[in-house]
Amino acid sequence: MSQENLEIVQRAYEALRTGDVSGRELLDPEAEWIPDRRVGEGPIRGRENVIAFHVDRGAMFAQVDFEFERWSEKDDQVLVFIHATGSGGTSGAGFDIRIAHLWTLRDGRMVRGQGFGDRAKALEAFGLPGGLSLT
């Protein structure tokens, strides 16, 4: 089942990247997104709210590119390491960050996601000691 979960998450990111509205069906109607604590927002609940949060975040930038560096799956979870680069919409200041997203899936849909600015913490949440890395 985990390989199937990996494919679902990959399809969801591709749908977000291309604006393919059919990708919204990959999120459970009651999906929850927990932003990295540095974002300063609490949990986002509901499919449409989770999608709006991610679309709004992307609109804050003049330019943003994402490279999906690594994916790993186990049981009902998928961990994604992301390298994001770009520039701010207001300031124009460049950025180059490495983050992680951890998704939990049930019945073929993404039910919970969490963002991590610290990949070691993402690994711990995924069940790997922070000193280990994905291969």
C-alpha atoms as a PDB file:
ATOM      1  CA  MET A   1       0.000   0.000   0.000  1.00  0.00           C
ATOM      2  CA  SER A   2       2.824   2.449   0.724  1.00  0.00           C
ATOM      3  CA  GLN A   3       4.011   2.588  -2.925  1.00  0.00           C
ATOM      4  CA  GLU A   4       0.471   3.543  -3.859  1.00  0.00           C
ATOM      5  CA  ASN A   5       0.558   6.276  -1.195  1.00  0.00           C
ATOM      6  CA  LEU A   6       3.806   7.608  -2.630  1.00  0.00           C
ATOM      7  CA  GLU A   7       2.222   7.839  -6.068  1.00  0.00           C
ATOM      8  CA  ILE A   8      -0.816   9.674  -4.641  1.00  0.00           C
ATOM      9  CA  VAL A   9       1.378  12.315  -2.970  1.00  0.00           C
ATOM     10  CA  GLN A  10       3.484  12.711  -6.119  1.00  0.00           C
ATOM     11  CA  ARG A  11       0.309  13.216  -8.185  1.00  0.00           C
ATOM     12  CA  ALA A  12      -0.970  15.792  -5.672  1.00  0.00           C
ATOM     13  CA  TYR A  13       2.224  17.860  -5.922  1.00  0.00           C
ATOM     14  CA  GLU A  14       2.137  17.675  -9.698  1.00  0.00           C
ATOM     15  CA  ALA A  15      -1.507  18.814  -9.684  1.00  0.00           C
ATOM     16  CA  LEU A  16      -0.619  21.747  -7.402  1.00  0.00           C
ATOM     17  CA  ARG A  17       2.315  22.666  -9.645  1.00  0.00           C
ATOM     18  CA  THR A  18       0.235  22.598 -12.838  1.00  0.00           C
ATOM     19  CA  GLY A  19      -3.061  23.876 -11.431  1.00  0.00           C
ATOM     20  CA  ASP A  20      -4.849  20.618 -12.275  1.00  0.00           C
ATOM     21  CA  VAL A  21      -8.078  20.874 -10.276  1.00  0.00           C
ATOM     22  CA  SER A  22      -8.685  17.119 -10.437  1.00  0.00           C
ATOM     23  CA  GLY A  23      -5.805  16.790  -7.943  1.00  0.00           C
ATOM     24  CA  ARG A  24      -8.030  18.163  -5.180  1.00  0.00           C
ATOM     25  CA  GLU A  25      -9.713  14.740  -5.007  1.00  0.00           C
ATOM     26  CA  LEU A  26      -6.425  13.325  -3.671  1.00  0.00           C
ATOM     27  CA  LEU A  27      -7.046  15.246  -0.435  1.00  0.00           C
ATOM     28  CA  ASP A  28      -9.651  13.973   1.983  1.00  0.00           C
ATOM     29  CA  PRO A  29     -12.555  16.441   2.428  1.00  0.00           C
ATOM     30  CA  GLU A  30     -11.579  16.684   6.125  1.00  0.00           C
ATOM     31  CA  ALA A  31      -7.824  16.965   5.426  1.00  0.00           C
ATOM     32  CA  GLU A  32      -5.653  18.816   7.913  1.00  0.00           C
ATOM     33  CA  TRP A  33      -2.411  20.723   7.298  1.00  0.00           C
ATOM     34  CA  ILE A  34      -0.081  21.637  10.174  1.00  0.00           C
ATOM     35  CA  PRO A  35       2.245  24.421   8.966  1.00  0.00           C
ATOM     36  CA  ASP A  36       5.800  24.641  10.233  1.00  0.00           C
ATOM     37  CA  ARG A  37       5.603  26.585  13.505  1.00  0.00           C
ATOM     38  CA  ARG A  38       7.626  29.455  11.968  1.00  0.00           C
ATOM     39  CA  VAL A  39       4.698  30.221   9.675  1.00  0.00           C
ATOM     40  CA  GLY A  40       2.767  31.391  12.732  1.00  0.00           C
ATOM     41  CA  GLU A  41      -0.523  29.727  11.881  1.00  0.00           C
ATOM     42  CA  GLY A  42      -2.342  26.895  13.566  1.00  0.00           C
ATOM     43  CA  PRO A  43      -3.782  23.837  11.855  1.00  0.00           C
ATOM     44  CA  ILE A  44      -5.652  24.358   8.591  1.00  0.00           C
ATOM     45  CA  ARG A  45      -8.680  22.076   8.295  1.00  0.00           C
ATOM     46  CA  GLY A  46     -10.771  21.047   5.303  1.00  0.00           C
ATOM     47  CA  ARG A  47      -9.735  20.226   1.736  1.00  0.00           C
ATOM     48  CA  GLU A  48     -10.525  23.638   0.253  1.00  0.00           C
ATOM     49  CA  ASN A  49      -8.783  25.480   3.108  1.00  0.00           C
ATOM     50  CA  VAL A  50      -5.649  23.335   2.796  1.00  0.00           C
ATOM     51  CA  ILE A  51      -5.514  23.944  -0.946  1.00  0.00           C
ATOM     52  CA  ALA A  52      -6.124  27.684  -0.482  1.00  0.00           C
ATOM     53  CA  PHE A  53      -3.332  27.860   2.101  1.00  0.00           C
ATOM     54  CA  HIS A  54      -0.802  26.348  -0.310  1.00  0.00           C
ATOM     55  CA  VAL A  55      -1.968  28.430  -3.275  1.00  0.00           C
ATOM     56  CA  ASP A  56      -1.873  31.622  -1.178  1.00  0.00           C
ATOM     57  CA  ARG A  57       1.638  30.815   0.071  1.00  0.00           C
ATOM     58  CA  GLY A  58       2.833  30.342  -3.495  1.00  0.00           C
ATOM     59  CA  ALA A  59       1.272  33.667  -4.545  1.00  0.00           C
ATOM     60  CA  MET A  60       3.388  35.510  -1.948  1.00  0.00           C
ATOM     61  CA  PHE A  61       6.482  35.031  -4.087  1.00  0.00           C
ATOM     62  CA  ALA A  62       7.560  36.813  -7.256  1.00  0.00           C
ATOM     63  CA  GLN A  63       9.226  33.583  -8.315  1.00  0.00           C
ATOM     64  CA  VAL A  64       9.453  30.161  -6.671  1.00  0.00           C
ATOM     65  CA  ASP A  65      10.810  26.827  -7.829  1.00  0.00           C
ATOM     66  CA  PHE A  66      10.552  23.498  -6.046  1.00  0.00           C
ATOM     67  CA  GLU A  67      12.813  20.529  -6.456  1.00  0.00           C
ATOM     68  CA  PHE A  68      11.651  17.324  -4.797  1.00  0.00           C
ATOM     69  CA  GLU A  69      14.930  15.917  -3.574  1.00  0.00           C
ATOM     70  CA  ARG A  70      13.780  12.706  -1.914  1.00  0.00           C
ATOM     71  CA  TRP A  71      10.647  10.738  -1.190  1.00  0.00           C
ATOM     72  CA  SER A  72      10.194   7.926   1.289  1.00  0.00           C
ATOM     73  CA  GLU A  73       7.173   5.929   2.332  1.00  0.00           C
ATOM     74  CA  LYS A  74       6.309   3.551   5.123  1.00  0.00           C
ATOM     75  CA  ASP A  75       2.997   2.237   6.297  1.00  0.00           C
ATOM     76  CA  ASP A  76       0.485   5.067   5.843  1.00  0.00           C
ATOM     77  CA  GLN A  77       3.014   7.921   5.616  1.00  0.00           C
ATOM     78  CA  VAL A  78       5.023   9.663   2.908  1.00  0.00           C
ATOM     79  CA  LEU A  79       7.942  11.970   3.695  1.00  0.00           C
ATOM     80  CA  VAL A  80       9.047  14.504   1.067  1.00  0.00           C
ATOM     81  CA  PHE A  81      12.286  16.529   1.143  1.00  0.00           C
ATOM     82  CA  ILE A  82      11.868  19.763  -0.819  1.00  0.00           C
ATOM     83  CA  HIS A  83      14.437  22.309  -2.002  1.00  0.00           C
ATOM     84  CA  ALA A  84      12.752  25.671  -2.621  1.00  0.00           C
ATOM     85  CA  THR A  85      14.370  28.685  -4.262  1.00  0.00           C
ATOM     86  CA  GLY A  86      12.982  31.978  -5.453  1.00  0.00           C
ATOM     87  CA  SER A  87      12.383  35.582  -4.513  1.00  0.00           C
ATOM     88  CA  GLY A  88       9.908  37.419  -2.325  1.00  0.00           C
ATOM     89  CA  GLY A  89       6.974  39.179  -3.941  1.00  0.00           C
ATOM     90  CA  THR A  90       7.326  42.403  -1.967  1.00  0.00           C
ATOM     91  CA  SER A  91      11.019  42.547  -1.125  1.00  0.00           C
ATOM     92  CA  GLY A  92      12.417  40.702  -4.118  1.00  0.00           C
ATOM     93  CA  ALA A  93      14.929  39.120  -1.728  1.00  0.00           C
ATOM     94  CA  GLY A  94      16.131  35.706  -2.789  1.00  0.00           C
ATOM     95  CA  PHE A  95      15.748  32.582  -0.729  1.00  0.00           C
ATOM     96  CA  ASP A  96      17.127  29.060  -0.829  1.00  0.00           C
ATOM     97  CA  ILE A  97      15.619  26.667   1.724  1.00  0.00           C
ATOM     98  CA  ARG A  98      15.331  22.966   2.339  1.00  0.00           C
ATOM     99  CA  ILE A  99      12.135  21.789   4.029  1.00  0.00           C
ATOM    100  CA  ALA A 100      10.144  18.594   4.545  1.00  0.00           C
ATOM    101  CA  HIS A 101       6.489  17.608   4.348  1.00  0.00           C
ATOM    102  CA  LEU A 102       5.093  14.534   6.082  1.00  0.00           C
ATOM    103  CA  TRP A 103       1.774  13.188   4.803  1.00  0.00           C
ATOM    104  CA  THR A 104      -0.526  10.570   6.315  1.00  0.00           C
ATOM    105  CA  LEU A 105      -2.892   8.759   3.971  1.00  0.00           C
ATOM    106  CA  ARG A 106      -5.998   6.693   4.468  1.00  0.00           C
ATOM    107  CA  ASP A 107      -8.160   4.956   1.873  1.00  0.00           C
ATOM    108  CA  GLY A 108      -6.241   6.472  -1.025  1.00  0.00           C
ATOM    109  CA  ARG A 109      -6.446  10.086   0.180  1.00  0.00           C
ATOM    110  CA  MET A 110      -4.140  12.470   1.994  1.00  0.00           C
ATOM    111  CA  VAL A 111      -5.717  13.086   5.414  1.00  0.00           C
ATOM    112  CA  ARG A 112      -2.996  14.965   7.297  1.00  0.00           C
ATOM    113  CA  GLY A 113       0.115  16.876   6.324  1.00  0.00           C
ATOM    114  CA  GLN A 114       2.755  18.639   8.354  1.00  0.00           C
ATOM    115  CA  GLY A 115       5.468  21.060   7.278  1.00  0.00           C
ATOM    116  CA  PHE A 116       8.943  21.034   8.801  1.00  0.00           C
ATOM    117  CA  GLY A 117      11.669  23.634   8.486  1.00  0.00           C
ATOM    118  CA  ASP A 118      13.985  21.208  10.288  1.00  0.00           C
ATOM    119  CA  ARG A 119      14.445  17.970   8.353  1.00  0.00           C
ATOM    120  CA  ALA A 120      15.796  16.169  11.436  1.00  0.00           C
ATOM    121  CA  LYS A 121      12.470  16.803  13.179  1.00  0.00           C
ATOM    122  CA  ALA A 122      10.636  15.511  10.112  1.00  0.00           C
ATOM    123  CA  LEU A 123      12.721  12.326  10.201  1.00  0.00           C
ATOM    124  CA  GLU A 124      11.899  11.877  13.885  1.00  0.00           C
ATOM    125  CA  ALA A 125       8.172  12.349  13.199  1.00  0.00           C
ATOM    126  CA  PHE A 126       8.533   9.766  10.416  1.00  0.00           C
ATOM    127  CA  GLY A 127      10.060   7.340  12.906  1.00  0.00           C
ATOM    128  CA  LEU A 128      13.743   7.671  11.995  1.00  0.00           C
ATOM    129  CA  PRO A 129      16.316   9.087  14.405  1.00  0.00           C
ATOM    130  CA  GLY A 130      17.253  12.651  13.416  1.00  0.00           C
ATOM    131  CA  GLY A 131      20.824  11.634  12.621  1.00  0.00           C
ATOM    132  CA  LEU A 132      19.752   9.227   9.882  1.00  0.00           C
ATOM    133  CA  SER A 133      18.875  10.355   6.399  1.00  0.00           C
ATOM    134  CA  LEU A 134      16.723   8.963   3.618  1.00  0.00           C
ATOM    135  CA  THR A 135      18.497   6.917   0.995  1.00  0.00           C
END
